[in-house]
C-alpha atoms as a PDB file:
ATOM      1  CA  MET A   1      -6.943 227.975  93.432  1.00  0.00           C
ATOM      2  CA  LEU A   2      -6.364 231.656  92.664  1.00  0.00           C
ATOM      3  CA  GLU A   3      -2.630 231.257  93.244  1.00  0.00           C
ATOM      4  CA  ARG A   4      -2.495 228.366  90.803  1.00  0.00           C
ATOM      5  CA  ALA A   5      -4.112 230.634  88.193  1.00  0.00           C
ATOM      6  CA  GLU A   6      -1.589 233.339  89.134  1.00  0.00           C
ATOM      7  CA  ILE A   7      -4.347 235.726  90.200  1.00  0.00           C
ATOM      8  CA  LYS A   8      -2.799 238.168  92.668  1.00  0.00           C
ATOM      9  CA  VAL A   9      -5.780 240.387  93.466  1.00  0.00           C
ATOM     10  CA  ALA A  10      -9.450 239.408  93.353  1.00  0.00           C
ATOM     11  CA  ARG A  11     -12.744 240.840  94.488  1.00  0.00           C
ATOM     12  CA  ILE A  12     -16.152 239.234  94.799  1.00  0.00           C
ATOM     13  CA  ALA A  13     -19.294 241.036  93.681  1.00  0.00           C
ATOM     14  CA  LEU A  14     -22.878 239.816  93.604  1.00  0.00           C
ATOM     15  CA  VAL A  15     -25.011 240.388  90.511  1.00  0.00           C
ATOM     16  CA  ASP A  16     -28.569 240.008  91.736  1.00  0.00           C
ATOM     17  CA  CYS A  17     -32.180 240.813  90.904  1.00  0.00           C
ATOM     18  CA  GLY A  18     -35.535 240.390  92.605  1.00  0.00           C
ATOM     19  CA  ILE A  19     -37.510 237.155  92.678  1.00  0.00           C
ATOM     20  CA  GLU A  20     -40.052 238.173  90.035  1.00  0.00           C
ATOM     21  CA  GLU A  21     -37.355 239.371  87.638  1.00  0.00           C
ATOM     22  CA  ARG A  22     -35.242 236.248  88.202  1.00  0.00           C
ATOM     23  CA  HIS A  23     -38.268 234.017  87.518  1.00  0.00           C
ATOM     24  CA  ARG A  24     -39.123 236.012  84.398  1.00  0.00           C
ATOM     25  CA  ARG A  25     -35.565 235.670  83.080  1.00  0.00           C
ATOM     26  CA  LEU A  26     -35.369 231.966  83.869  1.00  0.00           C
ATOM     27  CA  HIS A  27     -38.659 231.278  82.087  1.00  0.00           C
ATOM     28  CA  ALA A  28     -37.589 233.426  79.106  1.00  0.00           C
ATOM     29  CA  ARG A  29     -34.394 231.421  78.616  1.00  0.00           C
ATOM     30  CA  GLY A  30     -36.067 228.049  79.044  1.00  0.00           C
ATOM     31  CA  GLN A  31     -34.835 227.270  82.561  1.00  0.00           C
ATOM     32  CA  SER A  32     -38.180 227.264  84.379  1.00  0.00           C
ATOM     33  CA  GLU A  33     -37.040 224.367  86.565  1.00  0.00           C
ATOM     34  CA  LEU A  34     -34.686 226.804  88.346  1.00  0.00           C
ATOM     35  CA  ALA A  35     -37.520 229.145  89.394  1.00  0.00           C
ATOM     36  CA  THR A  36     -38.056 227.392  92.741  1.00  0.00           C
ATOM     37  CA  PRO A  37     -38.438 228.408  96.377  1.00  0.00           C
ATOM     38  CA  GLU A  38     -35.082 226.746  97.071  1.00  0.00           C
ATOM     39  CA  MET A  39     -33.378 228.952  94.474  1.00  0.00           C
ATOM     40  CA  ASP A  40     -35.147 231.994  95.930  1.00  0.00           C
ATOM     41  CA  CYS A  41     -33.780 231.097  99.387  1.00  0.00           C
ATOM     42  CA  TRP A  42     -30.296 230.611  97.949  1.00  0.00           C
ATOM     43  CA  ALA A  43     -30.443 234.046  96.289  1.00  0.00           C
ATOM     44  CA  ALA A  44     -31.575 235.607  99.587  1.00  0.00           C
ATOM     45  CA  TYR A  45     -28.708 233.856 101.391  1.00  0.00           C
ATOM     46  CA  LEU A  46     -26.162 235.156  98.877  1.00  0.00           C
ATOM     47  CA  ARG A  47     -27.517 238.700  99.195  1.00  0.00           C
ATOM     48  CA  GLY A  48     -27.350 238.452 102.983  1.00  0.00           C
ATOM     49  CA  GLN A  49     -23.757 237.255 102.817  1.00  0.00           C
ATOM     50  CA  ALA A  50     -22.825 240.041 100.427  1.00  0.00           C
ATOM     51  CA  ASP A  51     -24.462 242.590 102.746  1.00  0.00           C
ATOM     52  CA  ALA A  52     -22.739 241.154 105.819  1.00  0.00           C
ATOM     53  CA  LEU A  53     -19.347 241.132 104.118  1.00  0.00           C
ATOM     54  CA  ARG A  54     -19.920 244.564 102.555  1.00  0.00           C
ATOM     55  CA  LEU A  55     -19.378 243.200  99.076  1.00  0.00           C
ATOM     56  CA  PRO A  56     -20.526 245.182  96.073  1.00  0.00           C
ATOM     57  CA  ILE A  57     -24.001 244.240  94.856  1.00  0.00           C
ATOM     58  CA  VAL A  58     -25.117 245.043  91.323  1.00  0.00           C
ATOM     59  CA  ASP A  59     -28.920 244.921  91.242  1.00  0.00           C
ATOM     60  CA  SER A  60     -29.468 244.046  87.601  1.00  0.00           C
ATOM     61  CA  GLY A  61     -33.236 244.100  88.088  1.00  0.00           C
ATOM     62  CA  ARG A  62     -33.245 247.838  88.735  1.00  0.00           C
ATOM     63  CA  LEU A  63     -30.684 248.744  86.098  1.00  0.00           C
ATOM     64  CA  SER A  64     -30.657 248.518  82.354  1.00  0.00           C
ATOM     65  CA  ARG A  65     -28.278 245.952  80.892  1.00  0.00           C
ATOM     66  CA  GLU A  66     -25.907 248.777  79.944  1.00  0.00           C
ATOM     67  CA  GLU A  67     -25.993 250.256  83.460  1.00  0.00           C
ATOM     68  CA  ALA A  68     -25.306 246.854  85.066  1.00  0.00           C
ATOM     69  CA  VAL A  69     -22.356 246.264  82.735  1.00  0.00           C
ATOM     70  CA  GLU A  70     -21.037 249.761  83.497  1.00  0.00           C
ATOM     71  CA  ARG A  71     -21.145 248.984  87.246  1.00  0.00           C
ATOM     72  CA  LEU A  72     -19.127 245.839  86.634  1.00  0.00           C
ATOM     73  CA  VAL A  73     -16.665 247.776  84.482  1.00  0.00           C
ATOM     74  CA  LEU A  74     -16.212 250.296  87.304  1.00  0.00           C
ATOM     75  CA  LEU A  75     -15.574 247.478  89.798  1.00  0.00           C
ATOM     76  CA  THR A  76     -12.997 246.036  87.416  1.00  0.00           C
ATOM     77  CA  ARG A  77     -11.292 249.404  87.091  1.00  0.00           C
ATOM     78  CA  ASP A  78     -11.213 249.715  90.884  1.00  0.00           C
ATOM     79  CA  LEU A  79      -9.575 246.300  91.030  1.00  0.00           C
ATOM     80  CA  ALA A  80      -7.005 247.328  88.414  1.00  0.00           C
ATOM     81  CA  THR A  81      -6.220 250.422  90.505  1.00  0.00           C
ATOM     82  CA  MET A  82      -5.742 248.229  93.579  1.00  0.00           C
ATOM     83  CA  LEU A  83      -3.442 245.937  91.612  1.00  0.00           C
ATOM     84  CA  SER A  84      -1.263 248.821  90.463  1.00  0.00           C
ATOM     85  CA  TRP A  85      -1.124 250.077  94.069  1.00  0.00           C
ATOM     86  CA  PHE A  86       0.037 246.630  95.294  1.00  0.00           C
ATOM     87  CA  LYS A  87       2.786 246.539  92.667  1.00  0.00           C
ATOM     88  CA  HIS A  88       4.327 249.604  94.343  1.00  0.00           C
ATOM     89  CA  LEU A  89       4.638 247.838  97.711  1.00  0.00           C
END
């Protein structure tokens, strides 16, 4: 799939927040039906996988919106640096 889109370098990051914050956000945007125990378990699973695979996790519940975006920008810059490094190989 990535090859078909001609993506040479990719990195996965998890943007996550705590249960209470996720429920608050879902209710605020009119998606209360997604604030379920099943969704909470899925979020815990994704966090566990990210931890196990040592993937970057941006905890948007503990950061301001600007800080969370800045973390993602930094991850993107790191990826751009990796891409330029691979071009030299």
